[in-house]
Amino acid sequence: MRALEALFLGIVLVCLAAIALPAISNPGKLATAMKYLQTGHTSSTSVVGGPSLSAQRIDAILSKSPAYGTGQTFYSDSIRYNIDDAYAVGFFKHESSLGLYGAASVTHSIGNIVCTVGYSCIGRFRYYASWQAGIHDWYQLISGPAYVGSGLKTLEQIIPKYAPSSENSPADYIAAVERDVTSWRQGA
């Protein structure tokens, strides 16, 4: 048992070092790393993998959302892009309360993706003609070279880049998504 505990502690220390070492030259990142240490945050939650929620479960979660009825899109894109659908819905909830508030209610961007060349935009966010198009683009972004394709596979790796400390609290964002994903998987 001691060997298993030592192995776990070693993994935790490596994860914390990966967060804390780059933060030394950046006070915002250092504050995030310290928050991880203070809250005892030790998970490394991979977003990679097929769906962990059914299309019907997602539609139930979206029952009060303007994106209600897109559960099959979340589910199908989860299979297509090998990104767990629970995390896609988690980002959507954190970014806009499932499309009820903020820019997403107009842009159909489930992740409030910042505008880049080649996209229609409203303000600083990408605009999509439908929720389905916004869902597709979020999965493409996360599975592509900016994130999973470059080796960023966990919430702890993705969120500080996706929602930097200059605009968000990455630690709070991670905790909120993890809390929702756990709750949804448990049927709550």
N, C-alpha and C. Protein backbone atom coordinates (compact mmCIF):
# COMPACT_ATOMS: atom_id res chain seq x y z
N MET A 1 0.82 -1.20 0.00
CA MET A 1 0.00 0.00 0.00
C MET A 1 0.86 1.26 0.00
N ARG A 2 1.96 1.25 0.72
CA ARG A 2 2.86 2.40 0.77
C ARG A 2 3.38 2.75 -0.62
N ALA A 3 3.69 1.74 -1.43
CA ALA A 3 4.20 1.98 -2.78
C ALA A 3 3.15 2.68 -3.62
N LEU A 4 1.89 2.28 -3.49
CA LEU A 4 0.81 2.90 -4.24
C LEU A 4 0.62 4.35 -3.80
N GLU A 5 0.69 4.60 -2.50
CA GLU A 5 0.57 5.96 -1.98
C GLU A 5 1.73 6.83 -2.49
N ALA A 6 2.93 6.27 -2.50
CA ALA A 6 4.10 7.02 -2.98
C ALA A 6 3.96 7.32 -4.47
N LEU A 7 3.46 6.37 -5.24
CA LEU A 7 3.25 6.58 -6.65
C LEU A 7 2.23 7.69 -6.87
N PHE A 8 1.12 7.65 -6.15
CA PHE A 8 0.08 8.67 -6.27
C PHE A 8 0.64 10.04 -5.92
N LEU A 9 1.39 10.13 -4.83
CA LEU A 9 1.99 11.39 -4.41
C LEU A 9 2.94 11.91 -5.48
N GLY A 10 3.72 11.00 -6.07
CA GLY A 10 4.63 11.40 -7.14
C GLY A 10 3.89 11.97 -8.33
N ILE A 11 2.79 11.34 -8.71
CA ILE A 11 1.98 11.83 -9.84
C ILE A 11 1.42 13.21 -9.52
N VAL A 12 0.92 13.38 -8.30
CA VAL A 12 0.37 14.66 -7.87
C VAL A 12 1.45 15.74 -7.94
N LEU A 13 2.64 15.44 -7.46
CA LEU A 13 3.72 16.42 -7.47
C LEU A 13 4.14 16.79 -8.88
N VAL A 14 4.18 15.82 -9.78
CA VAL A 14 4.52 16.11 -11.18
C VAL A 14 3.46 17.01 -11.79
N CYS A 15 2.19 16.72 -11.54
CA CYS A 15 1.11 17.56 -12.07
C CYS A 15 1.19 18.98 -11.51
N LEU A 16 1.43 19.10 -10.22
CA LEU A 16 1.54 20.43 -9.62
C LEU A 16 2.75 21.18 -10.15
N ALA A 17 3.85 20.47 -10.36
CA ALA A 17 5.04 21.12 -10.93
C ALA A 17 4.76 21.62 -12.34
N ALA A 18 4.01 20.85 -13.10
CA ALA A 18 3.67 21.27 -14.47
C ALA A 18 2.83 22.55 -14.45
N ILE A 19 2.06 22.72 -13.41
CA ILE A 19 1.24 23.93 -13.28
C ILE A 19 2.08 25.07 -12.69
N ALA A 20 2.85 24.79 -11.66
CA ALA A 20 3.54 25.83 -10.90
C ALA A 20 4.81 26.34 -11.56
N LEU A 21 5.61 25.48 -12.17
CA LEU A 21 6.89 25.93 -12.72
C LEU A 21 6.73 27.00 -13.79
N PRO A 22 5.83 26.83 -14.77
CA PRO A 22 5.68 27.91 -15.75
C PRO A 22 5.12 29.19 -15.13
N ALA A 23 4.52 29.07 -13.96
CA ALA A 23 3.87 30.22 -13.32
C ALA A 23 4.85 31.15 -12.62
N ILE A 24 6.05 30.68 -12.38
CA ILE A 24 7.00 31.47 -11.62
C ILE A 24 7.22 32.85 -12.25
N SER A 25 7.24 32.93 -13.57
CA SER A 25 7.46 34.20 -14.25
C SER A 25 6.16 34.95 -14.53
N ASN A 26 5.02 34.40 -14.13
CA ASN A 26 3.74 35.03 -14.40
C ASN A 26 2.90 35.03 -13.14
N PRO A 27 2.71 36.20 -12.51
CA PRO A 27 1.97 36.25 -11.25
C PRO A 27 0.55 35.70 -11.34
N GLY A 28 -0.13 35.89 -12.47
CA GLY A 28 -1.48 35.36 -12.62
C GLY A 28 -1.49 33.85 -12.59
N LYS A 29 -0.55 33.23 -13.30
CA LYS A 29 -0.45 31.78 -13.31
C LYS A 29 0.00 31.27 -11.95
N LEU A 30 0.87 32.02 -11.29
CA LEU A 30 1.31 31.61 -9.96
C LEU A 30 0.13 31.60 -9.00
N ALA A 31 -0.73 32.61 -9.08
CA ALA A 31 -1.91 32.65 -8.22
C ALA A 31 -2.82 31.45 -8.48
N THR A 32 -2.97 31.08 -9.75
CA THR A 32 -3.77 29.91 -10.10
C THR A 32 -3.16 28.65 -9.52
N ALA A 33 -1.84 28.50 -9.66
CA ALA A 33 -1.16 27.32 -9.13
C ALA A 33 -1.32 27.26 -7.60
N MET A 34 -1.22 28.40 -6.94
CA MET A 34 -1.38 28.42 -5.49
C MET A 34 -2.81 28.03 -5.10
N LYS A 35 -3.78 28.48 -5.87
CA LYS A 35 -5.16 28.13 -5.59
C LYS A 35 -5.36 26.61 -5.70
N TYR A 36 -4.71 25.98 -6.72
CA TYR A 36 -4.77 24.53 -6.86
C TYR A 36 -4.23 23.87 -5.60
N LEU A 37 -3.09 24.36 -5.13
CA LEU A 37 -2.47 23.78 -3.94
C LEU A 37 -3.37 23.94 -2.71
N GLN A 38 -3.94 25.13 -2.55
CA GLN A 38 -4.77 25.41 -1.39
C GLN A 38 -6.06 24.61 -1.38
N THR A 39 -6.62 24.34 -2.56
CA THR A 39 -7.88 23.61 -2.61
C THR A 39 -7.68 22.10 -2.66
N GLY A 40 -6.43 21.66 -2.71
CA GLY A 40 -6.17 20.24 -2.76
C GLY A 40 -6.51 19.63 -4.10
N HIS A 41 -6.59 20.44 -5.14
CA HIS A 41 -6.94 19.99 -6.47
C HIS A 41 -5.82 19.11 -7.02
N THR A 42 -6.15 17.85 -7.30
CA THR A 42 -5.12 16.92 -7.77
C THR A 42 -5.55 16.11 -8.98
N SER A 43 -6.71 16.36 -9.54
CA SER A 43 -7.13 15.52 -10.66
C SER A 43 -6.44 15.96 -11.94
N SER A 44 -6.45 15.10 -12.87
CA SER A 44 -6.03 15.45 -14.23
C SER A 44 -7.06 14.80 -15.14
N THR A 45 -8.13 15.52 -15.36
CA THR A 45 -9.31 15.01 -16.02
C THR A 45 -9.20 15.12 -17.53
N SER A 46 -9.05 13.99 -18.20
CA SER A 46 -8.94 13.98 -19.66
C SER A 46 -10.31 14.18 -20.30
N VAL A 47 -10.34 15.02 -21.31
CA VAL A 47 -11.57 15.24 -22.07
C VAL A 47 -11.66 14.26 -23.23
N VAL A 48 -10.58 13.52 -23.49
CA VAL A 48 -10.52 12.60 -24.61
C VAL A 48 -11.34 11.36 -24.30
N GLY A 49 -12.10 10.92 -25.28
CA GLY A 49 -12.92 9.72 -25.13
C GLY A 49 -14.31 9.98 -25.66
N GLY A 50 -14.97 8.95 -26.01
CA GLY A 50 -16.32 9.06 -26.54
C GLY A 50 -17.29 9.57 -25.50
N PRO A 51 -18.56 9.55 -25.85
CA PRO A 51 -19.58 10.12 -24.98
C PRO A 51 -19.73 9.38 -23.64
N SER A 52 -19.95 10.15 -22.60
CA SER A 52 -20.29 9.55 -21.31
C SER A 52 -21.73 9.88 -20.93
N LEU A 53 -22.38 10.70 -21.75
CA LEU A 53 -23.80 11.01 -21.57
C LEU A 53 -24.55 10.60 -22.84
N SER A 54 -25.79 10.26 -22.71
CA SER A 54 -26.60 9.94 -23.88
C SER A 54 -27.18 11.24 -24.46
N ALA A 55 -27.63 11.18 -25.68
CA ALA A 55 -28.28 12.33 -26.31
C ALA A 55 -29.51 12.75 -25.50
N GLN A 56 -30.26 11.77 -24.99
CA GLN A 56 -31.45 12.07 -24.20
C GLN A 56 -31.07 12.76 -22.88
N ARG A 57 -29.99 12.32 -22.27
CA ARG A 57 -29.53 12.93 -21.01
C ARG A 57 -29.13 14.38 -21.26
N ILE A 58 -28.43 14.61 -22.36
CA ILE A 58 -28.02 15.98 -22.69
C ILE A 58 -29.25 16.85 -22.93
N ASP A 59 -30.23 16.34 -23.67
CA ASP A 59 -31.45 17.12 -23.88
C ASP A 59 -32.15 17.42 -22.55
N ALA A 60 -32.11 16.50 -21.62
CA ALA A 60 -32.69 16.77 -20.29
C ALA A 60 -31.93 17.89 -19.59
N ILE A 61 -30.61 17.88 -19.69
CA ILE A 61 -29.79 18.95 -19.09
C ILE A 61 -30.12 20.28 -19.76
N LEU A 62 -30.37 20.24 -21.06
CA LEU A 62 -30.65 21.46 -21.84
C LEU A 62 -32.14 21.83 -21.86
N SER A 63 -32.94 21.25 -20.98
CA SER A 63 -34.40 21.42 -21.05
C SER A 63 -34.85 22.88 -21.00
N LYS A 64 -34.11 23.76 -20.36
CA LYS A 64 -34.48 25.18 -20.29
C LYS A 64 -33.59 26.05 -21.17
N SER A 65 -32.76 25.43 -21.97
CA SER A 65 -31.80 26.13 -22.82
C SER A 65 -32.39 26.39 -24.21
N PRO A 66 -31.99 27.49 -24.84
CA PRO A 66 -32.40 27.69 -26.23
C PRO A 66 -31.78 26.64 -27.16
N ALA A 67 -30.79 25.89 -26.68
CA ALA A 67 -30.15 24.83 -27.46
C ALA A 67 -30.81 23.47 -27.22
N TYR A 68 -31.97 23.48 -26.53
CA TYR A 68 -32.68 22.22 -26.29
C TYR A 68 -32.93 21.51 -27.62
N GLY A 69 -32.72 20.20 -27.62
CA GLY A 69 -32.92 19.41 -28.83
C GLY A 69 -31.62 19.11 -29.57
N THR A 70 -30.50 19.62 -29.06
CA THR A 70 -29.21 19.39 -29.72
C THR A 70 -28.42 18.25 -29.07
N GLY A 71 -29.05 17.50 -28.20
CA GLY A 71 -28.37 16.39 -27.53
C GLY A 71 -27.73 15.42 -28.51
N GLN A 72 -28.42 15.12 -29.60
CA GLN A 72 -27.86 14.19 -30.59
C GLN A 72 -26.62 14.78 -31.25
N THR A 73 -26.59 16.08 -31.47
CA THR A 73 -25.40 16.71 -32.05
C THR A 73 -24.21 16.60 -31.11
N PHE A 74 -24.43 16.93 -29.83
CA PHE A 74 -23.35 16.78 -28.84
C PHE A 74 -22.84 15.33 -28.82
N TYR A 75 -23.78 14.39 -28.79
CA TYR A 75 -23.43 12.96 -28.72
C TYR A 75 -22.68 12.50 -29.98
N SER A 76 -23.21 12.82 -31.15
CA SER A 76 -22.59 12.40 -32.40
C SER A 76 -21.20 13.02 -32.59
N ASP A 77 -21.06 14.29 -32.25
CA ASP A 77 -19.76 14.94 -32.37
C ASP A 77 -18.77 14.37 -31.35
N SER A 78 -19.26 13.93 -30.22
CA SER A 78 -18.41 13.27 -29.24
C SER A 78 -17.77 12.02 -29.83
N ILE A 79 -18.57 11.26 -30.55
CA ILE A 79 -18.05 10.05 -31.22
C ILE A 79 -17.09 10.46 -32.34
N ARG A 80 -17.51 11.40 -33.16
CA ARG A 80 -16.72 11.81 -34.32
C ARG A 80 -15.35 12.37 -33.94
N TYR A 81 -15.30 13.21 -32.90
CA TYR A 81 -14.06 13.90 -32.54
C TYR A 81 -13.34 13.26 -31.35
N ASN A 82 -13.93 12.22 -30.76
CA ASN A 82 -13.34 11.53 -29.61
C ASN A 82 -13.10 12.47 -28.42
N ILE A 83 -14.07 13.34 -28.18
CA ILE A 83 -14.07 14.25 -27.04
C ILE A 83 -15.35 13.96 -26.26
N ASP A 84 -15.21 13.73 -24.97
CA ASP A 84 -16.35 13.38 -24.13
C ASP A 84 -17.40 14.49 -24.15
N ASP A 85 -18.63 14.13 -24.48
CA ASP A 85 -19.71 15.11 -24.59
C ASP A 85 -20.02 15.82 -23.28
N ALA A 86 -19.77 15.18 -22.16
CA ALA A 86 -20.04 15.82 -20.87
C ALA A 86 -19.21 17.08 -20.70
N TYR A 87 -17.99 17.07 -21.21
CA TYR A 87 -17.14 18.26 -21.11
C TYR A 87 -17.60 19.37 -22.04
N ALA A 88 -18.09 19.01 -23.22
CA ALA A 88 -18.63 20.02 -24.12
C ALA A 88 -19.80 20.74 -23.45
N VAL A 89 -20.70 19.98 -22.84
CA VAL A 89 -21.84 20.58 -22.15
C VAL A 89 -21.35 21.37 -20.93
N GLY A 90 -20.31 20.87 -20.26
CA GLY A 90 -19.73 21.58 -19.11
C GLY A 90 -19.18 22.95 -19.50
N PHE A 91 -18.46 23.02 -20.61
CA PHE A 91 -17.95 24.31 -21.09
C PHE A 91 -19.14 25.23 -21.42
N PHE A 92 -20.14 24.68 -22.09
CA PHE A 92 -21.33 25.45 -22.48
C PHE A 92 -22.01 26.04 -21.25
N LYS A 93 -22.16 25.23 -20.22
CA LYS A 93 -22.80 25.73 -19.00
C LYS A 93 -21.95 26.82 -18.36
N HIS A 94 -20.65 26.60 -18.27
CA HIS A 94 -19.80 27.58 -17.61
C HIS A 94 -19.74 28.90 -18.39
N GLU A 95 -19.69 28.81 -19.70
CA GLU A 95 -19.54 30.01 -20.53
C GLU A 95 -20.80 30.87 -20.60
N SER A 96 -21.98 30.23 -20.59
CA SER A 96 -23.19 31.03 -20.84
C SER A 96 -24.44 30.50 -20.16
N SER A 97 -24.28 29.68 -19.14
CA SER A 97 -25.45 29.05 -18.50
C SER A 97 -26.31 28.36 -19.54
N LEU A 98 -25.65 27.58 -20.42
CA LEU A 98 -26.30 26.80 -21.47
C LEU A 98 -27.02 27.67 -22.50
N GLY A 99 -26.39 28.82 -22.80
CA GLY A 99 -26.93 29.69 -23.84
C GLY A 99 -27.98 30.67 -23.37
N LEU A 100 -28.22 30.73 -22.08
CA LEU A 100 -29.25 31.63 -21.57
C LEU A 100 -28.76 33.07 -21.42
N TYR A 101 -27.46 33.27 -21.24
CA TYR A 101 -26.94 34.60 -20.94
C TYR A 101 -25.72 34.93 -21.79
N GLY A 102 -25.45 36.21 -21.90
CA GLY A 102 -24.24 36.66 -22.57
C GLY A 102 -24.31 36.54 -24.08
N ALA A 103 -23.14 36.65 -24.68
CA ALA A 103 -23.03 36.66 -26.14
C ALA A 103 -23.55 35.38 -26.78
N ALA A 104 -23.39 34.26 -26.11
CA ALA A 104 -23.79 32.97 -26.70
C ALA A 104 -25.27 32.92 -27.05
N SER A 105 -26.09 33.67 -26.35
CA SER A 105 -27.52 33.67 -26.65
C SER A 105 -27.79 34.20 -28.06
N VAL A 106 -26.84 34.94 -28.61
CA VAL A 106 -26.97 35.49 -29.97
C VAL A 106 -26.02 34.77 -30.94
N THR A 107 -24.83 34.42 -30.47
CA THR A 107 -23.81 33.87 -31.37
C THR A 107 -23.91 32.36 -31.60
N HIS A 108 -24.67 31.66 -30.75
CA HIS A 108 -24.76 30.19 -30.81
C HIS A 108 -23.40 29.53 -30.60
N SER A 109 -22.51 30.19 -29.90
CA SER A 109 -21.17 29.66 -29.63
C SER A 109 -21.18 29.04 -28.25
N ILE A 110 -21.16 27.71 -28.19
CA ILE A 110 -21.28 27.03 -26.89
C ILE A 110 -20.09 27.30 -25.99
N GLY A 111 -18.98 27.74 -26.58
CA GLY A 111 -17.79 27.99 -25.78
C GLY A 111 -17.30 29.41 -25.84
N ASN A 112 -18.13 30.33 -26.33
CA ASN A 112 -17.69 31.72 -26.50
C ASN A 112 -16.31 31.77 -27.12
N ILE A 113 -16.18 31.17 -28.29
CA ILE A 113 -14.89 31.09 -28.97
C ILE A 113 -14.56 32.46 -29.56
N VAL A 114 -13.37 32.95 -29.25
CA VAL A 114 -12.93 34.26 -29.71
C VAL A 114 -12.81 34.26 -31.23
N CYS A 115 -13.23 35.35 -31.84
CA CYS A 115 -13.23 35.50 -33.29
C CYS A 115 -11.82 35.37 -33.86
N THR A 116 -11.73 34.67 -34.98
CA THR A 116 -10.49 34.56 -35.72
C THR A 116 -10.80 34.72 -37.20
N VAL A 117 -9.76 34.93 -37.99
CA VAL A 117 -9.92 35.12 -39.42
C VAL A 117 -10.67 33.93 -40.03
N GLY A 118 -11.60 34.25 -40.93
CA GLY A 118 -12.35 33.21 -41.62
C GLY A 118 -13.70 32.91 -41.01
N TYR A 119 -14.02 33.53 -39.88
CA TYR A 119 -15.30 33.29 -39.21
C TYR A 119 -16.14 34.55 -39.20
N SER A 120 -17.46 34.38 -39.22
CA SER A 120 -18.38 35.48 -38.97
C SER A 120 -18.35 35.71 -37.46
N CYS A 121 -18.43 36.96 -37.07
CA CYS A 121 -18.32 37.26 -35.64
C CYS A 121 -19.32 38.34 -35.23
N ILE A 122 -19.68 38.29 -33.98
CA ILE A 122 -20.44 39.36 -33.35
C ILE A 122 -19.60 39.78 -32.16
N GLY A 123 -19.20 41.03 -32.16
CA GLY A 123 -18.29 41.48 -31.11
C GLY A 123 -16.99 40.70 -31.21
N ARG A 124 -16.54 40.17 -30.10
CA ARG A 124 -15.26 39.44 -30.11
C ARG A 124 -15.43 37.93 -30.24
N PHE A 125 -16.67 37.45 -30.44
CA PHE A 125 -16.90 36.01 -30.49
C PHE A 125 -17.39 35.53 -31.86
N ARG A 126 -17.03 34.30 -32.18
CA ARG A 126 -17.50 33.67 -33.41
C ARG A 126 -19.03 33.55 -33.39
N TYR A 127 -19.62 33.74 -34.57
CA TYR A 127 -21.07 33.63 -34.73
C TYR A 127 -21.38 32.43 -35.61
N TYR A 128 -22.43 31.69 -35.24
CA TYR A 128 -22.88 30.53 -36.01
C TYR A 128 -24.36 30.68 -36.31
N ALA A 129 -24.77 30.18 -37.45
CA ALA A 129 -26.17 30.27 -37.86
C ALA A 129 -27.08 29.37 -37.01
N SER A 130 -26.49 28.37 -36.36
CA SER A 130 -27.29 27.45 -35.54
C SER A 130 -26.47 26.94 -34.36
N TRP A 131 -27.15 26.40 -33.38
CA TRP A 131 -26.45 25.78 -32.25
C TRP A 131 -25.63 24.59 -32.73
N GLN A 132 -26.16 23.85 -33.69
CA GLN A 132 -25.43 22.69 -34.21
C GLN A 132 -24.09 23.11 -34.79
N ALA A 133 -24.06 24.20 -35.54
CA ALA A 133 -22.81 24.69 -36.12
C ALA A 133 -21.84 25.12 -35.02
N GLY A 134 -22.34 25.76 -33.98
CA GLY A 134 -21.49 26.15 -32.86
C GLY A 134 -20.93 24.94 -32.12
N ILE A 135 -21.74 23.91 -31.97
CA ILE A 135 -21.29 22.67 -31.32
C ILE A 135 -20.19 22.03 -32.15
N HIS A 136 -20.41 21.90 -33.46
CA HIS A 136 -19.40 21.30 -34.34
C HIS A 136 -18.07 22.04 -34.21
N ASP A 137 -18.12 23.37 -34.24
CA ASP A 137 -16.88 24.14 -34.22
C ASP A 137 -16.15 23.98 -32.88
N TRP A 138 -16.90 23.92 -31.77
CA TRP A 138 -16.25 23.72 -30.47
C TRP A 138 -15.49 22.39 -30.46
N TYR A 139 -16.13 21.32 -30.92
CA TYR A 139 -15.47 20.01 -30.95
C TYR A 139 -14.24 20.04 -31.86
N GLN A 140 -14.35 20.70 -33.02
CA GLN A 140 -13.20 20.80 -33.93
C GLN A 140 -12.05 21.54 -33.27
N LEU A 141 -12.36 22.64 -32.58
CA LEU A 141 -11.33 23.42 -31.90
C LEU A 141 -10.63 22.60 -30.83
N ILE A 142 -11.39 21.96 -29.96
CA ILE A 142 -10.81 21.22 -28.84
C ILE A 142 -10.02 20.00 -29.32
N SER A 143 -10.52 19.31 -30.34
CA SER A 143 -9.83 18.10 -30.83
C SER A 143 -8.66 18.44 -31.74
N GLY A 144 -8.60 19.66 -32.24
CA GLY A 144 -7.61 20.06 -33.22
C GLY A 144 -6.25 20.43 -32.65
N PRO A 145 -5.42 21.04 -33.49
CA PRO A 145 -4.03 21.30 -33.13
C PRO A 145 -3.81 22.30 -32.00
N ALA A 146 -4.79 23.11 -31.69
CA ALA A 146 -4.62 24.08 -30.61
C ALA A 146 -4.69 23.43 -29.23
N TYR A 147 -5.37 22.29 -29.12
CA TYR A 147 -5.57 21.66 -27.82
C TYR A 147 -5.17 20.19 -27.86
N VAL A 148 -6.10 19.28 -28.02
CA VAL A 148 -5.80 17.84 -27.96
C VAL A 148 -4.73 17.45 -28.98
N GLY A 149 -4.80 18.00 -30.17
CA GLY A 149 -3.82 17.68 -31.21
C GLY A 149 -2.40 18.08 -30.86
N SER A 150 -2.25 19.00 -29.91
CA SER A 150 -0.90 19.40 -29.47
C SER A 150 -0.54 18.80 -28.12
N GLY A 151 -1.36 17.87 -27.64
CA GLY A 151 -1.05 17.19 -26.39
C GLY A 151 -1.77 17.71 -25.17
N LEU A 152 -2.59 18.76 -25.31
CA LEU A 152 -3.36 19.29 -24.18
C LEU A 152 -4.64 18.48 -24.08
N LYS A 153 -4.70 17.55 -23.15
CA LYS A 153 -5.82 16.61 -23.10
C LYS A 153 -6.64 16.67 -21.82
N THR A 154 -6.17 17.39 -20.83
CA THR A 154 -6.90 17.46 -19.57
C THR A 154 -7.47 18.86 -19.37
N LEU A 155 -8.47 18.95 -18.51
CA LEU A 155 -9.01 20.26 -18.18
C LEU A 155 -7.91 21.18 -17.66
N GLU A 156 -7.00 20.61 -16.85
CA GLU A 156 -5.93 21.39 -16.25
C GLU A 156 -4.96 21.95 -17.30
N GLN A 157 -4.85 21.27 -18.43
CA GLN A 157 -4.00 21.75 -19.52
C GLN A 157 -4.76 22.67 -20.46
N ILE A 158 -6.01 22.37 -20.73
CA ILE A 158 -6.80 23.10 -21.72
C ILE A 158 -7.29 24.44 -21.19
N ILE A 159 -7.88 24.46 -20.02
CA ILE A 159 -8.57 25.66 -19.56
C ILE A 159 -7.66 26.87 -19.36
N PRO A 160 -6.46 26.74 -18.82
CA PRO A 160 -5.62 27.95 -18.71
C PRO A 160 -5.30 28.60 -20.06
N LYS A 161 -5.28 27.83 -21.12
CA LYS A 161 -5.08 28.39 -22.47
C LYS A 161 -6.42 28.89 -23.03
N TYR A 162 -7.47 28.11 -22.84
CA TYR A 162 -8.80 28.42 -23.38
C TYR A 162 -9.40 29.65 -22.69
N ALA A 163 -9.26 29.71 -21.39
CA ALA A 163 -9.84 30.79 -20.59
C ALA A 163 -8.77 31.31 -19.64
N PRO A 164 -7.81 32.10 -20.15
CA PRO A 164 -6.64 32.49 -19.36
C PRO A 164 -6.98 33.32 -18.13
N SER A 165 -6.03 33.32 -17.21
CA SER A 165 -6.23 34.02 -15.93
C SER A 165 -6.42 35.52 -16.12
N SER A 166 -6.05 36.05 -17.27
CA SER A 166 -6.28 37.48 -17.53
C SER A 166 -7.77 37.78 -17.69
N GLU A 167 -8.59 36.74 -17.94
CA GLU A 167 -10.02 36.92 -18.14
C GLU A 167 -10.88 36.09 -17.19
N ASN A 168 -10.32 35.03 -16.62
CA ASN A 168 -11.08 34.07 -15.82
C ASN A 168 -10.22 33.56 -14.67
N SER A 169 -10.84 32.79 -13.83
CA SER A 169 -10.10 32.01 -12.84
C SER A 169 -10.08 30.57 -13.36
N PRO A 170 -8.96 30.15 -13.97
CA PRO A 170 -8.90 28.79 -14.48
C PRO A 170 -9.23 27.73 -13.43
N ALA A 171 -8.78 27.92 -12.21
CA ALA A 171 -9.06 26.94 -11.15
C ALA A 171 -10.55 26.83 -10.89
N ASP A 172 -11.25 27.97 -10.85
CA ASP A 172 -12.69 27.95 -10.64
C ASP A 172 -13.42 27.33 -11.83
N TYR A 173 -12.94 27.63 -13.03
CA TYR A 173 -13.53 27.09 -14.26
C TYR A 173 -13.40 25.56 -14.24
N ILE A 174 -12.21 25.07 -13.97
CA ILE A 174 -11.96 23.62 -13.91
C ILE A 174 -12.87 22.97 -12.88
N ALA A 175 -12.93 23.54 -11.69
CA ALA A 175 -13.74 22.97 -10.62
C ALA A 175 -15.22 22.94 -11.01
N ALA A 176 -15.70 24.01 -11.65
CA ALA A 176 -17.12 24.06 -12.04
C ALA A 176 -17.44 22.99 -13.08
N VAL A 177 -16.58 22.84 -14.07
CA VAL A 177 -16.83 21.84 -15.11
C VAL A 177 -16.76 20.44 -14.51
N GLU A 178 -15.75 20.19 -13.68
CA GLU A 178 -15.65 18.87 -13.04
C GLU A 178 -16.87 18.55 -12.19
N ARG A 179 -17.33 19.54 -11.44
CA ARG A 179 -18.51 19.35 -10.57
C ARG A 179 -19.74 19.00 -11.41
N ASP A 180 -19.95 19.74 -12.49
CA ASP A 180 -21.12 19.47 -13.35
C ASP A 180 -21.02 18.10 -14.02
N VAL A 181 -19.85 17.79 -14.56
CA VAL A 181 -19.68 16.49 -15.25
C VAL A 181 -19.94 15.35 -14.29
N THR A 182 -19.40 15.43 -13.09
CA THR A 182 -19.61 14.39 -12.08
C THR A 182 -21.09 14.27 -11.75
N SER A 183 -21.74 15.38 -11.55
CA SER A 183 -23.17 15.39 -11.21
C SER A 183 -24.00 14.78 -12.34
N TRP A 184 -23.74 15.17 -13.57
CA TRP A 184 -24.52 14.66 -14.71
C TRP A 184 -24.30 13.17 -14.89
N ARG A 185 -23.08 12.72 -14.72
CA ARG A 185 -22.80 11.29 -14.86
C ARG A 185 -23.49 10.47 -13.78
N GLN A 186 -23.72 11.08 -12.64
CA GLN A 186 -24.40 10.40 -11.53
C GLN A 186 -25.92 10.52 -11.64
N GLY A 187 -26.38 11.18 -12.69
CA GLY A 187 -27.82 11.28 -12.91
C GLY A 187 -28.49 12.46 -12.28
N ALA A 188 -27.73 13.36 -11.67
CA ALA A 188 -28.33 14.53 -11.02
C ALA A 188 -28.64 15.61 -12.02
